[in-house]
Amino acid sequence: MHSFSIFFGMVSGVQIAVIVVVALLFFGGKKIPELMKGLGGGIKEFKNAAKEEDPEEKIEEKK
């Protein structure tokens, strides 16, 4: 976790702006919302799958 905070300590606002501009040039303005929607859907499915219990655990609880 320490290396994670060090990484974000080195990233400035100007660098983030450059990354955003490069992403816009690479993907185009119309494609970015589609990519973010897909990313959000993937994260949502991952969270739902993580919350679900295994069927085997449910069977053991009933015993």
PDB file of N, CA and C in Angstrom:
ATOM      1  N   MET A   1       0.826  -1.189   0.000  1.00  0.00           N
ATOM      2  CA  MET A   1       0.000   0.000   0.000  1.00  0.00           C
ATOM      3  C   MET A   1       0.869   1.250   0.000  1.00  0.00           C
ATOM      4  N   HIS A   2       2.024   1.147   0.563  1.00  0.00           N
ATOM      5  CA  HIS A   2       2.920   2.293   0.642  1.00  0.00           C
ATOM      6  C   HIS A   2       3.357   2.738  -0.752  1.00  0.00           C
ATOM      7  N   SER A   3       3.674   1.790  -1.632  1.00  0.00           N
ATOM      8  CA  SER A   3       4.097   2.149  -2.983  1.00  0.00           C
ATOM      9  C   SER A   3       2.954   2.791  -3.763  1.00  0.00           C
ATOM     10  N   PHE A   4       1.711   2.422  -3.452  1.00  0.00           N
ATOM     11  CA  PHE A   4       0.543   3.007  -4.103  1.00  0.00           C
ATOM     12  C   PHE A   4       0.458   4.501  -3.790  1.00  0.00           C
ATOM     13  N   SER A   5       0.655   4.867  -2.524  1.00  0.00           N
ATOM     14  CA  SER A   5       0.578   6.276  -2.138  1.00  0.00           C
ATOM     15  C   SER A   5       1.761   7.063  -2.683  1.00  0.00           C
ATOM     16  N   ILE A   6       2.912   6.436  -2.831  1.00  0.00           N
ATOM     17  CA  ILE A   6       4.069   7.108  -3.409  1.00  0.00           C
ATOM     18  C   ILE A   6       3.803   7.432  -4.875  1.00  0.00           C
ATOM     19  N   PHE A   7       3.180   6.505  -5.599  1.00  0.00           N
ATOM     20  CA  PHE A   7       2.878   6.728  -7.010  1.00  0.00           C
ATOM     21  C   PHE A   7       1.991   7.948  -7.184  1.00  0.00           C
ATOM     22  N   PHE A   8       0.932   8.053  -6.375  1.00  0.00           N
ATOM     23  CA  PHE A   8       0.029   9.177  -6.526  1.00  0.00           C
ATOM     24  C   PHE A   8       0.638  10.464  -5.985  1.00  0.00           C
ATOM     25  N   GLY A   9       1.642  10.380  -5.163  1.00  0.00           N
ATOM     26  CA  GLY A   9       2.356  11.558  -4.705  1.00  0.00           C
ATOM     27  C   GLY A   9       3.184  12.175  -5.820  1.00  0.00           C
ATOM     28  N   MET A  10       3.579  11.351  -6.798  1.00  0.00           N
ATOM     29  CA  MET A  10       4.415  11.836  -7.895  1.00  0.00           C
ATOM     30  C   MET A  10       3.596  12.360  -9.071  1.00  0.00           C
ATOM     31  N   VAL A  11       2.305  12.075  -9.133  1.00  0.00           N
ATOM     32  CA  VAL A  11       1.472  12.478 -10.257  1.00  0.00           C
ATOM     33  C   VAL A  11       0.891  13.861  -9.962  1.00  0.00           C
ATOM     34  N   SER A  12       1.178  14.815 -10.854  1.00  0.00           N
ATOM     35  CA  SER A  12       0.661  16.168 -10.654  1.00  0.00           C
ATOM     36  C   SER A  12      -0.556  16.402 -11.538  1.00  0.00           C
ATOM     37  N   GLY A  13      -1.184  17.533 -11.370  1.00  0.00           N
ATOM     38  CA  GLY A  13      -2.354  17.886 -12.164  1.00  0.00           C
ATOM     39  C   GLY A  13      -2.040  18.014 -13.644  1.00  0.00           C
ATOM     40  N   VAL A  14      -0.855  18.539 -13.944  1.00  0.00           N
ATOM     41  CA  VAL A  14      -0.445  18.695 -15.347  1.00  0.00           C
ATOM     42  C   VAL A  14      -0.286  17.324 -16.000  1.00  0.00           C
ATOM     43  N   GLN A  15       0.281  16.390 -15.304  1.00  0.00           N
ATOM     44  CA  GLN A  15       0.460  15.044 -15.851  1.00  0.00           C
ATOM     45  C   GLN A  15      -0.875  14.368 -16.096  1.00  0.00           C
ATOM     46  N   ILE A  16      -1.824  14.547 -15.191  1.00  0.00           N
ATOM     47  CA  ILE A  16      -3.159  13.975 -15.386  1.00  0.00           C
ATOM     48  C   ILE A  16      -3.822  14.603 -16.610  1.00  0.00           C
ATOM     49  N   ALA A  17      -3.666  15.911 -16.788  1.00  0.00           N
ATOM     50  CA  ALA A  17      -4.239  16.592 -17.952  1.00  0.00           C
ATOM     51  C   ALA A  17      -3.640  16.055 -19.244  1.00  0.00           C
ATOM     52  N   VAL A  18      -2.347  15.810 -19.254  1.00  0.00           N
ATOM     53  CA  VAL A  18      -1.689  15.255 -20.443  1.00  0.00           C
ATOM     54  C   VAL A  18      -2.228  13.863 -20.740  1.00  0.00           C
ATOM     55  N   ILE A  19      -2.420  13.051 -19.732  1.00  0.00           N
ATOM     56  CA  ILE A  19      -2.965  11.703 -19.918  1.00  0.00           C
ATOM     57  C   ILE A  19      -4.366  11.774 -20.498  1.00  0.00           C
ATOM     58  N   VAL A  20      -5.195  12.694 -20.000  1.00  0.00           N
ATOM     59  CA  VAL A  20      -6.560  12.852 -20.502  1.00  0.00           C
ATOM     60  C   VAL A  20      -6.543  13.283 -21.960  1.00  0.00           C
ATOM     61  N   VAL A  21      -5.672  14.222 -22.313  1.00  0.00           N
ATOM     62  CA  VAL A  21      -5.582  14.688 -23.706  1.00  0.00           C
ATOM     63  C   VAL A  21      -5.137  13.557 -24.621  1.00  0.00           C
ATOM     64  N   VAL A  22      -4.151  12.787 -24.204  1.00  0.00           N
ATOM     65  CA  VAL A  22      -3.683  11.658 -25.015  1.00  0.00           C
ATOM     66  C   VAL A  22      -4.796  10.635 -25.189  1.00  0.00           C
ATOM     67  N   ALA A  23      -5.558  10.368 -24.136  1.00  0.00           N
ATOM     68  CA  ALA A  23      -6.672   9.420 -24.231  1.00  0.00           C
ATOM     69  C   ALA A  23      -7.720   9.936 -25.209  1.00  0.00           C
ATOM     70  N   LEU A  24      -8.018  11.225 -25.167  1.00  0.00           N
ATOM     71  CA  LEU A  24      -8.982  11.801 -26.103  1.00  0.00           C
ATOM     72  C   LEU A  24      -8.496  11.691 -27.545  1.00  0.00           C
ATOM     73  N   LEU A  25      -7.217  11.935 -27.758  1.00  0.00           N
ATOM     74  CA  LEU A  25      -6.667  11.826 -29.108  1.00  0.00           C
ATOM     75  C   LEU A  25      -6.660  10.383 -29.597  1.00  0.00           C
ATOM     76  N   PHE A  26      -6.361   9.469 -28.695  1.00  0.00           N
ATOM     77  CA  PHE A  26      -6.255   8.064 -29.068  1.00  0.00           C
ATOM     78  C   PHE A  26      -7.622   7.432 -29.330  1.00  0.00           C
ATOM     79  N   PHE A  27      -8.575   7.670 -28.432  1.00  0.00           N
ATOM     80  CA  PHE A  27      -9.884   7.020 -28.536  1.00  0.00           C
ATOM     81  C   PHE A  27     -10.942   7.891 -29.201  1.00  0.00           C
ATOM     82  N   GLY A  28     -10.811   9.186 -29.134  1.00  0.00           N
ATOM     83  CA  GLY A  28     -11.827  10.082 -29.666  1.00  0.00           C
ATOM     84  C   GLY A  28     -12.856  10.405 -28.600  1.00  0.00           C
ATOM     85  N   GLY A  29     -13.480  11.564 -28.734  1.00  0.00           N
ATOM     86  CA  GLY A  29     -14.421  12.037 -27.724  1.00  0.00           C
ATOM     87  C   GLY A  29     -15.670  11.185 -27.597  1.00  0.00           C
ATOM     88  N   LYS A  30     -16.106  10.575 -28.686  1.00  0.00           N
ATOM     89  CA  LYS A  30     -17.336   9.784 -28.643  1.00  0.00           C
ATOM     90  C   LYS A  30     -17.110   8.400 -28.037  1.00  0.00           C
ATOM     91  N   LYS A  31     -15.908   7.911 -28.111  1.00  0.00           N
ATOM     92  CA  LYS A  31     -15.624   6.549 -27.635  1.00  0.00           C
ATOM     93  C   LYS A  31     -15.376   6.502 -26.126  1.00  0.00           C
ATOM     94  N   ILE A  32     -14.920   7.594 -25.530  1.00  0.00           N
ATOM     95  CA  ILE A  32     -14.592   7.623 -24.095  1.00  0.00           C
ATOM     96  C   ILE A  32     -15.802   7.257 -23.222  1.00  0.00           C
ATOM     97  N   PRO A  33     -16.996   7.862 -23.436  1.00  0.00           N
ATOM     98  CA  PRO A  33     -18.136   7.467 -22.589  1.00  0.00           C
ATOM     99  C   PRO A  33     -18.486   5.986 -22.709  1.00  0.00           C
ATOM    100  N   GLU A  34     -18.348   5.428 -23.908  1.00  0.00           N
ATOM    101  CA  GLU A  34     -18.618   3.997 -24.086  1.00  0.00           C
ATOM    102  C   GLU A  34     -17.630   3.155 -23.292  1.00  0.00           C
ATOM    103  N   LEU A  35     -16.363   3.559 -23.321  1.00  0.00           N
ATOM    104  CA  LEU A  35     -15.341   2.824 -22.572  1.00  0.00           C
ATOM    105  C   LEU A  35     -15.602   2.901 -21.066  1.00  0.00           C
ATOM    106  N   MET A  36     -15.971   4.085 -20.585  1.00  0.00           N
ATOM    107  CA  MET A  36     -16.241   4.248 -19.152  1.00  0.00           C
ATOM    108  C   MET A  36     -17.484   3.459 -18.740  1.00  0.00           C
ATOM    109  N   LYS A  37     -18.496   3.420 -19.603  1.00  0.00           N
ATOM    110  CA  LYS A  37     -19.701   2.644 -19.303  1.00  0.00           C
ATOM    111  C   LYS A  37     -19.356   1.156 -19.203  1.00  0.00           C
ATOM    112  N   GLY A  38     -18.540   0.669 -20.119  1.00  0.00           N
ATOM    113  CA  GLY A  38     -18.117  -0.729 -20.077  1.00  0.00           C
ATOM    114  C   GLY A  38     -17.289  -1.032 -18.849  1.00  0.00           C
ATOM    115  N   LEU A  39     -16.409  -0.107 -18.486  1.00  0.00           N
ATOM    116  CA  LEU A  39     -15.574  -0.290 -17.300  1.00  0.00           C
ATOM    117  C   LEU A  39     -16.435  -0.311 -16.041  1.00  0.00           C
ATOM    118  N   GLY A  40     -17.403   0.604 -15.970  1.00  0.00           N
ATOM    119  CA  GLY A  40     -18.304   0.645 -14.820  1.00  0.00           C
ATOM    120  C   GLY A  40     -19.138  -0.615 -14.699  1.00  0.00           C
ATOM    121  N   GLY A  41     -19.614  -1.124 -15.839  1.00  0.00           N
ATOM    122  CA  GLY A  41     -20.392  -2.368 -15.824  1.00  0.00           C
ATOM    123  C   GLY A  41     -19.552  -3.548 -15.362  1.00  0.00           C
ATOM    124  N   GLY A  42     -18.306  -3.580 -15.790  1.00  0.00           N
ATOM    125  CA  GLY A  42     -17.409  -4.660 -15.362  1.00  0.00           C
ATOM    126  C   GLY A  42     -17.141  -4.617 -13.875  1.00  0.00           C
ATOM    127  N   ILE A  43     -16.937  -3.420 -13.348  1.00  0.00           N
ATOM    128  CA  ILE A  43     -16.701  -3.272 -11.905  1.00  0.00           C
ATOM    129  C   ILE A  43     -17.944  -3.672 -11.122  1.00  0.00           C
ATOM    130  N   LYS A  44     -19.116  -3.278 -11.636  1.00  0.00           N
ATOM    131  CA  LYS A  44     -20.373  -3.619 -10.960  1.00  0.00           C
ATOM    132  C   LYS A  44     -20.580  -5.135 -10.919  1.00  0.00           C
ATOM    133  N   GLU A  45     -20.306  -5.811 -12.020  1.00  0.00           N
ATOM    134  CA  GLU A  45     -20.435  -7.276 -12.051  1.00  0.00           C
ATOM    135  C   GLU A  45     -19.447  -7.935 -11.108  1.00  0.00           C
ATOM    136  N   PHE A  46     -18.230  -7.399 -11.056  1.00  0.00           N
ATOM    137  CA  PHE A  46     -17.217  -7.953 -10.163  1.00  0.00           C
ATOM    138  C   PHE A  46     -17.664  -7.834  -8.711  1.00  0.00           C
ATOM    139  N   LYS A  47     -18.216  -6.677  -8.338  1.00  0.00           N
ATOM    140  CA  LYS A  47     -18.685  -6.487  -6.963  1.00  0.00           C
ATOM    141  C   LYS A  47     -19.837  -7.426  -6.640  1.00  0.00           C
ATOM    142  N   ASN A  48     -20.755  -7.591  -7.585  1.00  0.00           N
ATOM    143  CA  ASN A  48     -21.881  -8.504  -7.367  1.00  0.00           C
ATOM    144  C   ASN A  48     -21.408  -9.943  -7.206  1.00  0.00           C
ATOM    145  N   ALA A  49     -20.445 -10.344  -8.019  1.00  0.00           N
ATOM    146  CA  ALA A  49     -19.920 -11.705  -7.923  1.00  0.00           C
ATOM    147  C   ALA A  49     -19.181 -11.904  -6.603  1.00  0.00           C
ATOM    148  N   ALA A  50     -18.509 -10.875  -6.126  1.00  0.00           N
ATOM    149  CA  ALA A  50     -17.777 -10.986  -4.866  1.00  0.00           C
ATOM    150  C   ALA A  50     -18.734 -11.079  -3.680  1.00  0.00           C
ATOM    151  N   LYS A  51     -19.905 -10.452  -3.788  1.00  0.00           N
ATOM    152  CA  LYS A  51     -20.876 -10.478  -2.698  1.00  0.00           C
ATOM    153  C   LYS A  51     -21.631 -11.797  -2.624  1.00  0.00           C
ATOM    154  N   GLU A  52     -21.790 -12.476  -3.755  1.00  0.00           N
ATOM    155  CA  GLU A  52     -22.543 -13.726  -3.778  1.00  0.00           C
ATOM    156  C   GLU A  52     -21.816 -14.797  -2.983  1.00  0.00           C
ATOM    157  N   GLU A  53     -22.592 -15.618  -2.320  1.00  0.00           N
ATOM    158  CA  GLU A  53     -22.010 -16.739  -1.579  1.00  0.00           C
ATOM    159  C   GLU A  53     -21.921 -17.944  -2.508  1.00  0.00           C
ATOM    160  N   ASP A  54     -20.977 -18.790  -2.225  1.00  0.00           N
ATOM    161  CA  ASP A  54     -20.865 -20.019  -2.990  1.00  0.00           C
ATOM    162  C   ASP A  54     -22.036 -20.928  -2.650  1.00  0.00           C
ATOM    163  N   PRO A  55     -22.585 -21.646  -3.633  1.00  0.00           N
ATOM    164  CA  PRO A  55     -23.689 -22.571  -3.337  1.00  0.00           C
ATOM    165  C   PRO A  55     -23.298 -23.635  -2.319  1.00  0.00           C
ATOM    166  N   GLU A  56     -22.037 -24.046  -2.323  1.00  0.00           N
ATOM    167  CA  GLU A  56     -21.577 -25.055  -1.367  1.00  0.00           C
ATOM    168  C   GLU A  56     -21.672 -24.525   0.062  1.00  0.00           C
ATOM    169  N   GLU A  57     -21.371 -23.231   0.258  1.00  0.00           N
ATOM    170  CA  GLU A  57     -21.453 -22.658   1.590  1.00  0.00           C
ATOM    171  C   GLU A  57     -22.901 -22.626   2.073  1.00  0.00           C
ATOM    172  N   LYS A  58     -23.834 -22.352   1.190  1.00  0.00           N
ATOM    173  CA  LYS A  58     -25.255 -22.322   1.563  1.00  0.00           C
ATOM    174  C   LYS A  58     -25.734 -23.703   1.991  1.00  0.00           C
ATOM    175  N   ILE A  59     -25.272 -24.739   1.295  1.00  0.00           N
ATOM    176  CA  ILE A  59     -25.660 -26.105   1.626  1.00  0.00           C
ATOM    177  C   ILE A  59     -25.123 -26.479   3.013  1.00  0.00           C
ATOM    178  N   GLU A  60     -23.886 -26.098   3.317  1.00  0.00           N
ATOM    179  CA  GLU A  60     -23.295 -26.402   4.608  1.00  0.00           C
ATOM    180  C   GLU A  60     -24.031 -25.672   5.726  1.00  0.00           C
ATOM    181  N   GLU A  61     -24.495 -24.446   5.469  1.00  0.00           N
ATOM    182  CA  GLU A  61     -25.213 -23.694   6.492  1.00  0.00           C
ATOM    183  C   GLU A  61     -26.549 -24.338   6.822  1.00  0.00           C
ATOM    184  N   LYS A  62     -27.202 -24.968   5.848  1.00  0.00           N
ATOM    185  CA  LYS A  62     -28.505 -25.582   6.074  1.00  0.00           C
ATOM    186  C   LYS A  62     -28.407 -26.840   6.926  1.00  0.00           C
ATOM    187  N   LYS A  63     -27.258 -27.489   6.934  1.00  0.00           N
ATOM    188  CA  LYS A  63     -27.087 -28.750   7.682  1.00  0.00           C
ATOM    189  C   LYS A  63     -27.081 -28.559   9.149  1.00  0.00           C
TER     190      LYS A  63
END
